[in-house]
Amino acid sequence: MAEPIYFFTKNDPYYELSNFSPFGFEEEGGYWPTVEHYFQAQKFEDTAYRERIRKAYSPKHAKSLGQSRALPLRSDWEDVKEHVMLYALRRKFAHPRLKTLLLETGERMLIENSPFDSYWGCGPHGTGMNRLGHLLMVVREELRNDTITEAER
């Protein structure tokens, strides 16, 4: 079996897989500089706050704003968060360079090597759920089979 691909920091060979990598997309009448900006903003119903996150000066700042609980999260967030992430990843990897990069990972396991996040990444002990890696592999399979519909993009 091929070695897994770990990604997380700017120094990693596959940093482009990270939600912090600077590949954005147009959505909701504006440009989202990273997947992280888009994902964090979708947690909230308040459009002004979503716009504040969209305009955050970095993905780290967008994440910080998204982790604030000064405003309530949308009531269905736990039910839709993976769908929101998958949608954002589909948009990001529609970029030809990124599509090629993702497809070139072949069948290798993709692992977000976050020492902090045991849900989206592998967590501090490597035993996390790695949901981001799994969703990236879903997008890779869709791209390989050309099964992403226009509605999903």
C-alpha atoms as a PDB file:
ATOM      1  CA  MET A   1       0.000   0.000   0.000  1.00  0.00           C
ATOM      2  CA  ALA A   2       1.267   3.475  -0.885  1.00  0.00           C
ATOM      3  CA  GLU A   3       2.387   5.832   1.839  1.00  0.00           C
ATOM      4  CA  PRO A   4      -0.315   8.246   3.022  1.00  0.00           C
ATOM      5  CA  ILE A   5      -0.022  11.933   2.240  1.00  0.00           C
ATOM      6  CA  TYR A   6       0.092  14.150   5.309  1.00  0.00           C
ATOM      7  CA  PHE A   7      -0.651  17.834   4.901  1.00  0.00           C
ATOM      8  CA  PHE A   8      -1.053  20.723   7.299  1.00  0.00           C
ATOM      9  CA  THR A   9       1.671  23.398   7.243  1.00  0.00           C
ATOM     10  CA  LYS A  10       3.018  25.629   4.489  1.00  0.00           C
ATOM     11  CA  ASN A  11       6.188  23.526   4.430  1.00  0.00           C
ATOM     12  CA  ASP A  12       4.353  20.309   3.572  1.00  0.00           C
ATOM     13  CA  PRO A  13       4.655  19.163  -0.072  1.00  0.00           C
ATOM     14  CA  TYR A  14       0.860  18.953  -0.368  1.00  0.00           C
ATOM     15  CA  TYR A  15       0.007  22.166   1.486  1.00  0.00           C
ATOM     16  CA  GLU A  16      -2.439  23.020  -1.316  1.00  0.00           C
ATOM     17  CA  LEU A  17      -4.773  20.402   0.164  1.00  0.00           C
ATOM     18  CA  SER A  18      -5.071  22.495   3.322  1.00  0.00           C
ATOM     19  CA  ASN A  19      -8.074  24.751   3.856  1.00  0.00           C
ATOM     20  CA  PHE A  20      -5.591  27.517   4.629  1.00  0.00           C
ATOM     21  CA  SER A  21      -3.927  27.365   1.196  1.00  0.00           C
ATOM     22  CA  PRO A  22      -4.618  30.500  -0.851  1.00  0.00           C
ATOM     23  CA  PHE A  23      -6.972  29.091  -3.458  1.00  0.00           C
ATOM     24  CA  GLY A  24     -10.371  30.686  -3.319  1.00  0.00           C
ATOM     25  CA  PHE A  25     -13.549  30.853  -5.315  1.00  0.00           C
ATOM     26  CA  GLU A  26     -16.530  33.078  -6.101  1.00  0.00           C
ATOM     27  CA  GLU A  27     -19.689  32.363  -4.162  1.00  0.00           C
ATOM     28  CA  GLU A  28     -22.592  34.323  -2.691  1.00  0.00           C
ATOM     29  CA  GLY A  29     -21.671  37.450  -4.632  1.00  0.00           C
ATOM     30  CA  GLY A  30     -18.095  37.643  -3.368  1.00  0.00           C
ATOM     31  CA  TYR A  31     -14.660  36.087  -3.516  1.00  0.00           C
ATOM     32  CA  TRP A  32     -13.712  33.716  -0.682  1.00  0.00           C
ATOM     33  CA  PRO A  33      -9.892  33.704  -0.385  1.00  0.00           C
ATOM     34  CA  THR A  34      -9.712  30.209   1.135  1.00  0.00           C
ATOM     35  CA  VAL A  35     -11.948  27.282   2.005  1.00  0.00           C
ATOM     36  CA  GLU A  36     -11.376  28.224   5.654  1.00  0.00           C
ATOM     37  CA  HIS A  37     -12.924  31.665   5.121  1.00  0.00           C
ATOM     38  CA  TYR A  38     -15.991  30.162   3.461  1.00  0.00           C
ATOM     39  CA  PHE A  39     -16.429  27.321   5.936  1.00  0.00           C
ATOM     40  CA  GLN A  40     -16.134  29.500   9.038  1.00  0.00           C
ATOM     41  CA  ALA A  41     -18.592  32.070   7.681  1.00  0.00           C
ATOM     42  CA  GLN A  42     -21.217  29.436   6.949  1.00  0.00           C
ATOM     43  CA  LYS A  43     -21.560  28.737  10.670  1.00  0.00           C
ATOM     44  CA  PHE A  44     -23.539  31.952  11.099  1.00  0.00           C
ATOM     45  CA  GLU A  45     -26.828  33.312   9.835  1.00  0.00           C
ATOM     46  CA  ASP A  46     -25.811  36.940  10.442  1.00  0.00           C
ATOM     47  CA  THR A  47     -24.856  38.209   6.978  1.00  0.00           C
ATOM     48  CA  ALA A  48     -22.739  41.092   8.294  1.00  0.00           C
ATOM     49  CA  TYR A  49     -20.681  38.697  10.393  1.00  0.00           C
ATOM     50  CA  ARG A  50     -20.306  36.308   7.475  1.00  0.00           C
ATOM     51  CA  GLU A  51     -19.012  39.202   5.408  1.00  0.00           C
ATOM     52  CA  ARG A  52     -16.563  40.104   8.162  1.00  0.00           C
ATOM     53  CA  ILE A  53     -15.194  36.562   8.044  1.00  0.00           C
ATOM     54  CA  ARG A  54     -15.011  36.645   4.237  1.00  0.00           C
ATOM     55  CA  LYS A  55     -12.876  39.781   4.468  1.00  0.00           C
ATOM     56  CA  ALA A  56     -10.618  38.446   7.247  1.00  0.00           C
ATOM     57  CA  TYR A  57      -6.964  39.183   6.496  1.00  0.00           C
ATOM     58  CA  SER A  58      -5.884  35.544   6.820  1.00  0.00           C
ATOM     59  CA  PRO A  59      -7.397  32.072   7.124  1.00  0.00           C
ATOM     60  CA  LYS A  60      -6.166  31.969  10.713  1.00  0.00           C
ATOM     61  CA  HIS A  61      -8.108  35.157  11.442  1.00  0.00           C
ATOM     62  CA  ALA A  62     -11.184  33.735   9.667  1.00  0.00           C
ATOM     63  CA  LYS A  63     -10.940  30.627  11.837  1.00  0.00           C
ATOM     64  CA  SER A  64     -10.669  32.741  14.974  1.00  0.00           C
ATOM     65  CA  LEU A  65     -13.778  34.715  13.994  1.00  0.00           C
ATOM     66  CA  GLY A  66     -15.586  31.457  13.230  1.00  0.00           C
ATOM     67  CA  GLN A  67     -14.760  30.072  16.657  1.00  0.00           C
ATOM     68  CA  SER A  68     -16.310  33.065  18.390  1.00  0.00           C
ATOM     69  CA  ARG A  69     -19.543  32.373  20.171  1.00  0.00           C
ATOM     70  CA  ALA A  70     -20.500  36.037  20.524  1.00  0.00           C
ATOM     71  CA  LEU A  71     -23.124  35.222  17.909  1.00  0.00           C
ATOM     72  CA  PRO A  72     -25.043  31.943  17.900  1.00  0.00           C
ATOM     73  CA  LEU A  73     -24.207  29.248  15.394  1.00  0.00           C
ATOM     74  CA  ARG A  74     -26.918  28.416  12.924  1.00  0.00           C
ATOM     75  CA  SER A  75     -29.233  25.853  14.469  1.00  0.00           C
ATOM     76  CA  ASP A  76     -28.540  23.172  11.869  1.00  0.00           C
ATOM     77  CA  TRP A  77     -24.740  23.546  11.880  1.00  0.00           C
ATOM     78  CA  GLU A  78     -23.932  20.078  13.187  1.00  0.00           C
ATOM     79  CA  ASP A  79     -26.196  18.567  10.523  1.00  0.00           C
ATOM     80  CA  VAL A  80     -24.769  20.542   7.572  1.00  0.00           C
ATOM     81  CA  LYS A  81     -21.097  21.189   8.371  1.00  0.00           C
ATOM     82  CA  GLU A  82     -19.768  18.266   6.346  1.00  0.00           C
ATOM     83  CA  HIS A  83     -21.983  19.184   3.399  1.00  0.00           C
ATOM     84  CA  VAL A  84     -20.675  22.771   3.596  1.00  0.00           C
ATOM     85  CA  MET A  85     -17.084  21.512   3.663  1.00  0.00           C
ATOM     86  CA  LEU A  86     -17.645  19.148   0.746  1.00  0.00           C
ATOM     87  CA  TYR A  87     -19.239  21.939  -1.294  1.00  0.00           C
ATOM     88  CA  ALA A  88     -16.295  24.278  -0.607  1.00  0.00           C
ATOM     89  CA  LEU A  89     -13.774  21.560  -1.508  1.00  0.00           C
ATOM     90  CA  ARG A  90     -15.584  20.893  -4.779  1.00  0.00           C
ATOM     91  CA  ARG A  91     -15.390  24.589  -5.608  1.00  0.00           C
ATOM     92  CA  LYS A  92     -11.702  24.823  -4.691  1.00  0.00           C
ATOM     93  CA  PHE A  93     -10.656  21.727  -6.620  1.00  0.00           C
ATOM     94  CA  ALA A  94     -12.449  22.874  -9.761  1.00  0.00           C
ATOM     95  CA  HIS A  95      -9.279  24.978 -10.250  1.00  0.00           C
ATOM     96  CA  PRO A  96      -7.334  23.089 -12.959  1.00  0.00           C
ATOM     97  CA  ARG A  97      -3.992  23.121 -11.120  1.00  0.00           C
ATOM     98  CA  LEU A  98      -5.571  21.827  -7.920  1.00  0.00           C
ATOM     99  CA  LYS A  99      -7.658  19.258  -9.744  1.00  0.00           C
ATOM    100  CA  THR A 100      -4.472  17.869 -11.290  1.00  0.00           C
ATOM    101  CA  LEU A 101      -2.689  17.870  -7.928  1.00  0.00           C
ATOM    102  CA  LEU A 102      -5.539  16.023  -6.222  1.00  0.00           C
ATOM    103  CA  LEU A 103      -5.858  13.458  -9.001  1.00  0.00           C
ATOM    104  CA  GLU A 104      -2.098  12.841  -8.938  1.00  0.00           C
ATOM    105  CA  THR A 105      -2.405  11.631  -5.336  1.00  0.00           C
ATOM    106  CA  GLY A 106      -3.777   8.414  -6.832  1.00  0.00           C
ATOM    107  CA  GLU A 107      -5.209   6.084  -4.228  1.00  0.00           C
ATOM    108  CA  ARG A 108      -3.069   7.358  -1.373  1.00  0.00           C
ATOM    109  CA  MET A 109      -4.773   8.103   1.934  1.00  0.00           C
ATOM    110  CA  LEU A 110      -4.992  11.866   2.545  1.00  0.00           C
ATOM    111  CA  ILE A 111      -4.507  12.919   6.155  1.00  0.00           C
ATOM    112  CA  GLU A 112      -4.797  16.381   7.616  1.00  0.00           C
ATOM    113  CA  ASN A 113      -1.923  16.226  10.078  1.00  0.00           C
ATOM    114  CA  SER A 114      -3.429  18.672  12.547  1.00  0.00           C
ATOM    115  CA  PRO A 115      -2.135  18.187  16.067  1.00  0.00           C
ATOM    116  CA  PHE A 116      -5.092  20.262  17.314  1.00  0.00           C
ATOM    117  CA  ASP A 117      -8.156  18.914  15.544  1.00  0.00           C
ATOM    118  CA  SER A 118      -9.362  15.355  16.060  1.00  0.00           C
ATOM    119  CA  TYR A 119     -12.490  15.843  13.977  1.00  0.00           C
ATOM    120  CA  TRP A 120     -11.241  17.335  10.692  1.00  0.00           C
ATOM    121  CA  GLY A 121      -7.680  16.102  11.200  1.00  0.00           C
ATOM    122  CA  CYS A 122      -5.811  13.231  12.793  1.00  0.00           C
ATOM    123  CA  GLY A 123      -5.405  15.065  16.114  1.00  0.00           C
ATOM    124  CA  PRO A 124      -2.540  15.041  18.600  1.00  0.00           C
ATOM    125  CA  HIS A 125      -2.246  11.250  18.760  1.00  0.00           C
ATOM    126  CA  GLY A 126      -2.924  10.420  15.105  1.00  0.00           C
ATOM    127  CA  THR A 127      -6.205   8.741  15.959  1.00  0.00           C
ATOM    128  CA  GLY A 128      -8.605  11.520  14.972  1.00  0.00           C
ATOM    129  CA  MET A 129     -11.455  11.161  12.498  1.00  0.00           C
ATOM    130  CA  ASN A 130      -9.622  12.942   9.638  1.00  0.00           C
ATOM    131  CA  ARG A 131     -12.899  14.054   8.077  1.00  0.00           C
ATOM    132  CA  LEU A 132     -11.135  16.615   5.863  1.00  0.00           C
ATOM    133  CA  GLY A 133      -8.906  13.916   4.414  1.00  0.00           C
ATOM    134  CA  HIS A 134     -11.903  11.660   3.800  1.00  0.00           C
ATOM    135  CA  LEU A 135     -13.866  14.432   2.082  1.00  0.00           C
ATOM    136  CA  LEU A 136     -10.861  15.241  -0.100  1.00  0.00           C
ATOM    137  CA  MET A 137     -10.790  11.597  -1.159  1.00  0.00           C
ATOM    138  CA  VAL A 138     -14.504  11.836  -2.014  1.00  0.00           C
ATOM    139  CA  VAL A 139     -13.798  14.870  -4.214  1.00  0.00           C
ATOM    140  CA  ARG A 140     -10.837  13.050  -5.781  1.00  0.00           C
ATOM    141  CA  GLU A 141     -13.084  10.112  -6.681  1.00  0.00           C
ATOM    142  CA  GLU A 142     -15.748  12.441  -8.078  1.00  0.00           C
ATOM    143  CA  LEU A 143     -13.148  14.221 -10.202  1.00  0.00           C
ATOM    144  CA  ARG A 144     -11.718  10.913 -11.374  1.00  0.00           C
ATOM    145  CA  ASN A 145     -15.169   9.746 -12.437  1.00  0.00           C
ATOM    146  CA  ASP A 146     -16.351  13.217 -13.490  1.00  0.00           C
ATOM    147  CA  THR A 147     -19.439  12.846 -11.292  1.00  0.00           C
ATOM    148  CA  ILE A 148     -19.646  16.333  -9.785  1.00  0.00           C
ATOM    149  CA  THR A 149     -22.783  17.970 -11.123  1.00  0.00           C
ATOM    150  CA  GLU A 150     -23.088  21.678 -11.829  1.00  0.00           C
ATOM    151  CA  ALA A 151     -25.435  21.990  -8.836  1.00  0.00           C
ATOM    152  CA  GLU A 152     -22.709  20.615  -6.552  1.00  0.00           C
ATOM    153  CA  ARG A 153     -20.076  23.050  -7.843  1.00  0.00           C
END
